[in-house]
Protein backbone atom coordinates (compact mmCIF):
# COMPACT_ATOMS: atom_id res chain seq x y z
CA MET A 1 -24.94 25.23 -46.99
CA GLY A 2 -23.47 26.00 -43.61
CA ILE A 3 -21.78 23.42 -41.46
CA LEU A 4 -24.77 21.97 -39.61
CA ARG A 5 -24.79 19.95 -36.41
CA THR A 6 -27.36 17.58 -34.96
CA ARG A 7 -26.27 17.92 -31.34
CA THR A 8 -28.91 19.25 -28.96
CA CYS A 9 -28.02 22.59 -27.39
CA GLN A 10 -27.70 23.29 -23.69
CA LEU A 11 -28.16 26.10 -21.19
CA THR A 12 -24.45 27.01 -21.08
CA THR A 13 -22.64 27.15 -24.40
CA ARG A 14 -18.89 27.46 -25.00
CA ILE A 15 -18.54 30.21 -27.59
CA ALA A 16 -15.38 30.97 -29.56
CA LEU A 17 -15.80 34.61 -30.54
CA PHE A 18 -14.07 36.30 -33.50
CA GLY A 19 -14.48 40.04 -34.07
CA TYR A 20 -14.01 43.56 -32.82
CA SER A 21 -16.45 46.45 -32.76
CA ASP A 22 -18.74 48.13 -30.27
CA LEU A 23 -21.39 45.66 -31.43
CA THR A 24 -19.02 42.73 -30.80
CA ARG A 25 -18.31 43.94 -27.28
CA GLN A 26 -21.97 44.45 -26.42
CA CYS A 27 -22.96 41.05 -27.85
CA ALA A 28 -20.19 39.37 -25.83
CA ARG A 29 -21.31 41.12 -22.65
CA ALA A 30 -24.95 40.10 -23.25
CA LEU A 31 -23.97 36.47 -23.84
CA GLN A 32 -21.85 36.52 -20.68
CA GLN A 33 -24.83 37.78 -18.69
CA LEU A 34 -26.95 34.99 -20.16
CA GLY A 35 -24.50 32.48 -18.70
CA HIS A 36 -22.46 31.43 -21.72
CA GLN A 37 -18.72 30.77 -21.57
CA ILE A 38 -16.85 32.94 -24.06
CA GLU A 39 -13.25 33.05 -25.20
CA LEU A 40 -11.85 35.51 -27.74
CA PHE A 41 -9.71 34.53 -30.73
CA CYS A 42 -7.74 37.31 -32.43
CA PRO A 43 -4.91 37.57 -34.98
CA LEU A 44 -1.94 39.52 -33.66
CA GLU A 45 -2.24 42.05 -36.48
CA ASP A 46 -5.68 43.05 -35.14
CA GLU A 47 -4.68 43.51 -31.51
CA ALA A 48 -5.07 47.29 -31.77
CA LEU A 49 -8.69 46.85 -32.93
CA LEU A 50 -9.49 44.51 -30.05
CA VAL A 51 -8.08 47.05 -27.59
CA HIS A 52 -9.70 50.03 -29.32
CA TYR A 53 -13.17 48.53 -28.93
CA GLY A 54 -12.58 47.53 -25.32
CA LEU A 55 -12.87 43.78 -25.74
CA ASN A 56 -9.75 43.39 -23.59
CA ARG A 57 -11.74 44.90 -20.70
CA LEU A 58 -14.34 42.12 -20.68
CA ASP A 59 -12.10 39.87 -18.57
CA LEU A 60 -12.25 37.07 -21.14
CA PRO A 61 -9.43 34.73 -22.19
CA VAL A 62 -7.82 35.85 -25.46
CA HIS A 63 -6.10 33.41 -27.81
CA TRP A 64 -3.63 35.11 -30.15
CA PHE A 65 -2.50 33.66 -33.48
CA GLU A 66 -0.40 34.92 -36.39
CA SER A 67 -2.95 34.44 -39.17
CA ILE A 68 -6.05 32.46 -40.06
CA LYS A 69 -3.77 29.72 -41.39
CA ASP A 70 -1.69 29.61 -38.20
CA PRO A 71 -1.71 25.96 -36.94
CA SER A 72 -1.97 27.29 -33.38
CA LEU A 73 -5.56 28.45 -34.08
CA PRO A 74 -7.14 24.98 -34.56
CA LYS A 75 -5.07 23.71 -31.63
CA ALA A 76 -6.44 26.46 -29.39
CA LEU A 77 -9.96 25.66 -30.56
CA ASP A 78 -9.41 21.97 -29.86
CA ALA A 79 -8.35 22.83 -26.32
CA PHE A 80 -11.43 25.04 -25.79
CA GLU A 81 -13.86 22.58 -27.46
CA PRO A 82 -16.33 25.26 -28.60
CA ASP A 83 -19.99 24.45 -29.01
CA LEU A 84 -20.42 27.58 -31.12
CA ILE A 85 -18.11 29.66 -33.29
CA LEU A 86 -19.45 33.19 -33.55
CA SER A 87 -18.16 35.89 -35.90
CA ILE A 88 -19.23 39.51 -35.28
CA ILE A 89 -17.55 42.15 -37.49
CA PHE A 90 -14.41 40.13 -38.18
CA ASN A 91 -11.98 41.17 -40.94
CA HIS A 92 -11.06 37.66 -42.08
CA SER A 93 -12.84 34.72 -43.65
CA LEU A 94 -12.74 31.65 -41.41
CA PRO A 95 -11.73 28.51 -43.33
CA ALA A 96 -13.71 25.27 -43.20
CA PRO A 97 -11.21 23.47 -40.91
CA VAL A 98 -11.79 26.22 -38.33
CA LEU A 99 -15.57 26.23 -38.74
CA GLN A 100 -15.65 22.48 -38.22
CA LYS A 101 -14.29 22.91 -34.69
CA ALA A 102 -17.75 24.00 -33.48
CA SER A 103 -19.84 21.09 -32.22
CA ILE A 104 -23.18 22.90 -32.68
CA ALA A 105 -22.80 25.59 -35.36
CA ALA A 106 -20.59 28.34 -36.79
CA LEU A 107 -22.58 31.56 -37.12
CA ASN A 108 -22.11 35.16 -38.22
CA ILE A 109 -23.89 38.27 -36.96
CA HIS A 110 -24.55 40.53 -39.98
CA PRO A 111 -26.16 43.88 -39.08
CA ALA A 112 -27.63 44.54 -42.53
CA PRO A 113 -30.34 42.88 -44.66
CA LEU A 114 -29.48 39.63 -46.41
CA PRO A 115 -29.18 38.87 -49.27
CA ALA A 116 -29.84 42.50 -50.28
CA VAL A 117 -26.74 43.99 -48.59
CA ARG A 118 -23.75 41.66 -48.46
CA THR A 119 -20.81 43.77 -47.34
CA ALA A 120 -18.18 44.39 -44.71
CA ALA A 121 -19.30 48.06 -44.64
CA VAL A 122 -22.51 47.19 -42.79
CA TRP A 123 -22.77 50.63 -41.15
CA TYR A 124 -22.55 52.47 -44.50
CA TRP A 125 -24.50 50.73 -47.23
CA PRO A 126 -28.01 50.52 -45.71
CA LEU A 127 -27.98 54.32 -45.38
CA ARG A 128 -26.16 54.93 -48.66
CA LEU A 129 -28.84 52.94 -50.46
CA GLY A 130 -31.61 54.94 -48.78
CA LEU A 131 -33.22 51.92 -47.12
CA THR A 132 -36.09 52.66 -44.74
CA GLN A 133 -35.71 49.35 -42.89
CA SER A 134 -32.70 47.28 -41.94
CA GLU A 135 -32.17 44.14 -39.90
CA VAL A 136 -29.68 42.13 -37.92
CA CYS A 137 -29.25 38.72 -39.54
CA ILE A 138 -27.72 35.64 -37.96
CA HIS A 139 -26.63 33.12 -40.56
CA HIS A 140 -24.52 29.98 -40.88
CA LEU A 141 -20.93 30.67 -41.88
CA THR A 142 -19.83 29.22 -45.20
CA SER A 143 -16.77 29.59 -47.41
CA VAL A 144 -18.50 32.46 -49.26
CA MET A 145 -18.99 35.71 -47.36
CA ASP A 146 -22.52 36.49 -46.16
CA GLN A 147 -24.19 33.72 -48.16
CA GLY A 148 -24.96 31.06 -45.54
CA PRO A 149 -28.55 30.14 -44.62
CA VAL A 150 -30.21 32.71 -42.34
CA ILE A 151 -31.54 31.40 -39.02
CA LEU A 152 -32.72 34.66 -37.43
CA ARG A 153 -33.79 38.11 -38.61
CA PHE A 154 -34.24 41.08 -36.28
CA PRO A 155 -35.81 43.92 -38.36
CA PHE A 156 -35.84 47.57 -37.35
CA ARG A 157 -36.79 50.84 -38.99
CA LEU A 158 -34.22 53.33 -40.26
CA ARG A 159 -35.08 56.95 -39.58
CA GLU A 160 -34.91 59.54 -42.35
CA SER A 161 -32.19 61.48 -40.51
CA GLU A 162 -30.20 58.38 -39.46
CA THR A 163 -26.42 58.70 -39.64
CA GLN A 164 -23.75 56.06 -39.46
CA GLY A 165 -23.12 57.18 -35.89
CA THR A 166 -26.73 56.87 -34.74
CA LEU A 167 -27.13 53.57 -36.59
CA THR A 168 -24.05 52.16 -34.85
CA LEU A 169 -25.38 53.20 -31.44
CA ARG A 170 -28.82 51.75 -32.17
CA LEU A 171 -27.28 48.42 -33.15
CA VAL A 172 -25.24 48.39 -29.94
CA ASP A 173 -28.45 49.03 -28.00
CA LEU A 174 -30.20 46.21 -29.89
CA ALA A 175 -27.42 43.71 -29.12
CA PRO A 176 -28.93 42.34 -25.85
CA LYS A 177 -32.31 41.70 -27.54
CA VAL A 178 -30.68 39.95 -30.51
CA MET A 179 -28.44 37.88 -28.25
CA LYS A 180 -31.48 36.90 -26.17
CA GLN A 181 -33.05 35.48 -29.32
CA LEU A 182 -29.84 33.62 -30.13
CA HIS A 183 -29.77 32.36 -26.54
CA ASN A 184 -33.31 31.02 -26.97
CA LEU A 185 -32.21 29.13 -30.09
CA LEU A 186 -29.20 27.74 -28.26
CA THR A 187 -31.18 26.56 -25.26
CA THR A 188 -34.14 25.05 -27.13
CA GLY A 189 -32.03 23.59 -30.00
CA PRO A 190 -31.11 22.19 -32.32
CA ILE A 191 -30.01 25.21 -34.34
CA PRO A 192 -32.22 25.34 -37.45
CA GLU A 193 -30.78 24.79 -40.90
CA GLY A 194 -32.09 28.24 -41.83
CA GLU A 195 -33.50 29.73 -45.01
CA GLN A 196 -31.38 29.52 -48.12
CA GLN A 197 -30.49 32.93 -49.49
CA SER A 198 -31.59 33.94 -52.96
CA GLU A 199 -29.39 35.92 -55.32
CA GLY A 200 -28.38 39.19 -53.73
CA THR A 201 -25.95 42.05 -54.07
CA THR A 202 -22.43 42.36 -52.68
CA TYR A 203 -21.14 45.84 -51.94
CA PRO A 204 -17.46 46.76 -51.49
CA SER A 205 -15.74 47.91 -48.34
CA LEU A 206 -15.52 51.67 -47.95
CA ARG A 207 -12.26 53.21 -49.16
CA GLU A 208 -10.83 56.69 -48.58
CA ALA A 209 -11.50 57.53 -52.22
CA ASP A 210 -15.19 56.70 -51.77
CA LEU A 211 -15.71 59.53 -49.27
CA TRP A 212 -15.62 62.24 -51.93
CA ILE A 213 -19.01 63.59 -52.95
CA ASP A 214 -20.08 63.05 -56.56
CA PHE A 215 -22.01 66.24 -57.34
CA ASN A 216 -23.54 64.71 -60.47
CA GLU A 217 -25.67 62.44 -58.30
CA SER A 218 -29.18 63.36 -57.26
CA ALA A 219 -29.74 65.43 -54.12
CA ALA A 220 -31.26 62.40 -52.37
CA SER A 221 -28.27 60.22 -53.25
CA ILE A 222 -25.78 62.84 -52.04
CA ARG A 223 -27.73 63.26 -48.80
CA ASN A 224 -27.70 59.48 -48.26
CA HIS A 225 -23.95 59.40 -48.83
CA VAL A 226 -23.33 62.23 -46.36
CA ARG A 227 -25.38 60.70 -43.56
CA ALA A 228 -23.92 57.23 -44.25
CA CYS A 229 -20.44 58.69 -43.67
CA THR A 230 -21.18 60.90 -40.64
CA PRO A 231 -19.44 61.20 -38.21
CA TYR A 232 -16.66 58.58 -38.29
CA HIS A 233 -15.25 59.32 -41.75
CA PRO A 234 -17.21 62.29 -43.09
CA ALA A 235 -18.08 62.92 -46.71
CA GLN A 236 -15.50 65.18 -48.30
CA ALA A 237 -15.20 67.96 -50.84
CA ARG A 238 -12.59 70.56 -51.77
CA PHE A 239 -13.30 74.25 -51.13
CA ARG A 240 -10.76 76.84 -52.26
CA GLY A 241 -8.10 74.13 -52.36
CA GLN A 242 -8.82 72.86 -48.85
CA THR A 243 -10.52 69.61 -47.85
CA ILE A 244 -13.75 70.16 -45.95
CA ALA A 245 -16.14 67.71 -44.31
CA VAL A 246 -19.84 67.79 -45.10
CA HIS A 247 -21.82 66.49 -42.12
CA GLU A 248 -25.38 67.23 -43.20
CA VAL A 249 -27.32 67.95 -46.37
CA GLY A 250 -30.95 68.85 -45.79
CA SER A 251 -33.87 66.91 -47.26
CA LEU A 252 -35.58 70.00 -48.69
CA THR A 253 -34.73 70.59 -52.33
CA SER A 254 -35.25 73.45 -54.75
CA GLN A 255 -35.49 73.63 -58.51
CA LEU A 256 -32.21 73.92 -60.40
CA PRO A 257 -31.58 77.42 -61.73
CA PRO A 258 -30.55 77.57 -65.39
CA ASN A 259 -26.93 77.37 -66.46
CA ARG A 260 -25.63 75.93 -63.19
CA SER A 261 -23.11 73.10 -63.00
CA PRO A 262 -23.05 70.32 -60.36
CA GLY A 263 -20.98 71.31 -57.35
CA GLU A 264 -21.75 75.03 -57.48
CA LEU A 265 -22.76 76.82 -54.27
CA ILE A 266 -25.69 79.22 -54.15
CA VAL A 267 -26.02 81.75 -51.32
CA GLU A 268 -29.69 82.62 -50.91
CA ASN A 269 -31.53 82.20 -47.60
CA GLY A 270 -28.83 79.76 -46.55
CA LEU A 271 -26.28 77.78 -48.52
CA TRP A 272 -27.35 75.51 -51.37
CA LEU A 273 -25.48 72.89 -53.37
CA THR A 274 -26.15 72.28 -57.04
CA CYS A 275 -26.70 68.51 -57.43
CA GLY A 276 -27.43 66.45 -60.51
CA ASP A 277 -31.18 67.03 -60.33
CA SER A 278 -31.87 69.92 -57.94
CA LEU A 279 -30.52 72.27 -55.28
CA ALA A 280 -30.00 70.84 -51.78
CA PRO A 281 -29.32 72.84 -48.60
CA MET A 282 -25.86 72.46 -47.07
CA THR A 283 -26.67 72.63 -43.37
CA VAL A 284 -23.56 71.42 -41.46
CA LEU A 285 -19.96 71.71 -42.68
CA GLU A 286 -16.57 71.47 -41.03
CA ILE A 287 -13.15 72.82 -41.86
CA PRO A 288 -10.62 70.77 -39.87
CA GLY A 289 -8.87 72.96 -37.32
CA GLU A 290 -11.24 75.88 -37.87
CA GLY A 291 -14.67 74.73 -36.75
CA VAL A 292 -18.08 73.25 -37.52
CA PHE A 293 -20.51 75.65 -39.16
CA SER A 294 -24.08 75.93 -40.30
CA GLY A 295 -24.35 76.55 -44.02
CA GLU A 296 -25.40 80.14 -43.42
CA CYS A 297 -22.48 80.84 -41.07
CA PHE A 298 -20.06 79.14 -43.46
CA ALA A 299 -21.15 81.42 -46.28
CA GLU A 300 -20.88 84.51 -44.08
CA LEU A 301 -17.53 83.71 -42.46
CA PHE A 302 -15.80 82.93 -45.75
CA ASN A 303 -17.49 85.70 -47.78
CA LEU A 304 -18.81 83.08 -50.16
CA GLU A 305 -20.43 84.27 -53.37
CA SER A 306 -22.95 82.36 -55.46
CA GLY A 307 -21.23 80.49 -58.26
CA GLU A 308 -18.18 79.30 -56.31
CA SER A 309 -17.71 75.57 -56.67
CA LEU A 310 -16.79 72.58 -54.58
CA ASN A 311 -14.57 69.92 -56.11
CA ALA A 312 -14.47 66.16 -55.63
CA GLY A 313 -10.89 65.32 -54.69
């Protein structure tokens, strides 16, 4: 269970905000515009992230602390007397003594379905799994990541060509609507206990090693991986000893020719990749420092012959 409060909510709420992302910034701005008082709390080691995402430009007080266990953190929260603790894309687990500083509730914004997709890599896994619908979940914070009772779900459809970049922008655009719903909960109160989560699945954070394409996977799975990586940390492969980025694999597939191994390239009316179950068109590739190419141009510029292979790492 989350740490629940019985206090009735009010029109203006004091919110202690933890997190840093474009979504965090847009949620903070929306809550400001709705009249709530917000102060930021950030570990010193994450200062670069806070600045990178422009949270320092929101003209909000920032409380710095060494680590989650820094005794200055609960003291700063005591001085602020937050009604609500809100975590939005925060890299650290908040301990119970911190969560208990909120007089109303301690909540997390999780922009992926719960309990189906518990993860810090919320921009990656919904696309990697090939989901056709995602959601923004608001749930009570507990000592176990992403497992507190859910008080609000904001579902939305994922498009077939969605990339991590377009998904991120869509979530930023959705932030004011989601925060308006949270505002309604805060002003009508009390915050509901929420629905208990059933058993779900926890997915790991994305590592550099995870960017490499596994050519033994199906064409659909490889395509999902590519679009889930694009554009912030593109899917990777090795071509003639050089790392290349694969930005798009088309949805059209073709039957596997005989005696072809996964990872082979076929030049025939475009550029095709041999996957575990079929051929898939390679439509957008990049060689760092040289350019971004269509599959057809890539094959022409580098005099590629059918049968050459890509390698994973």
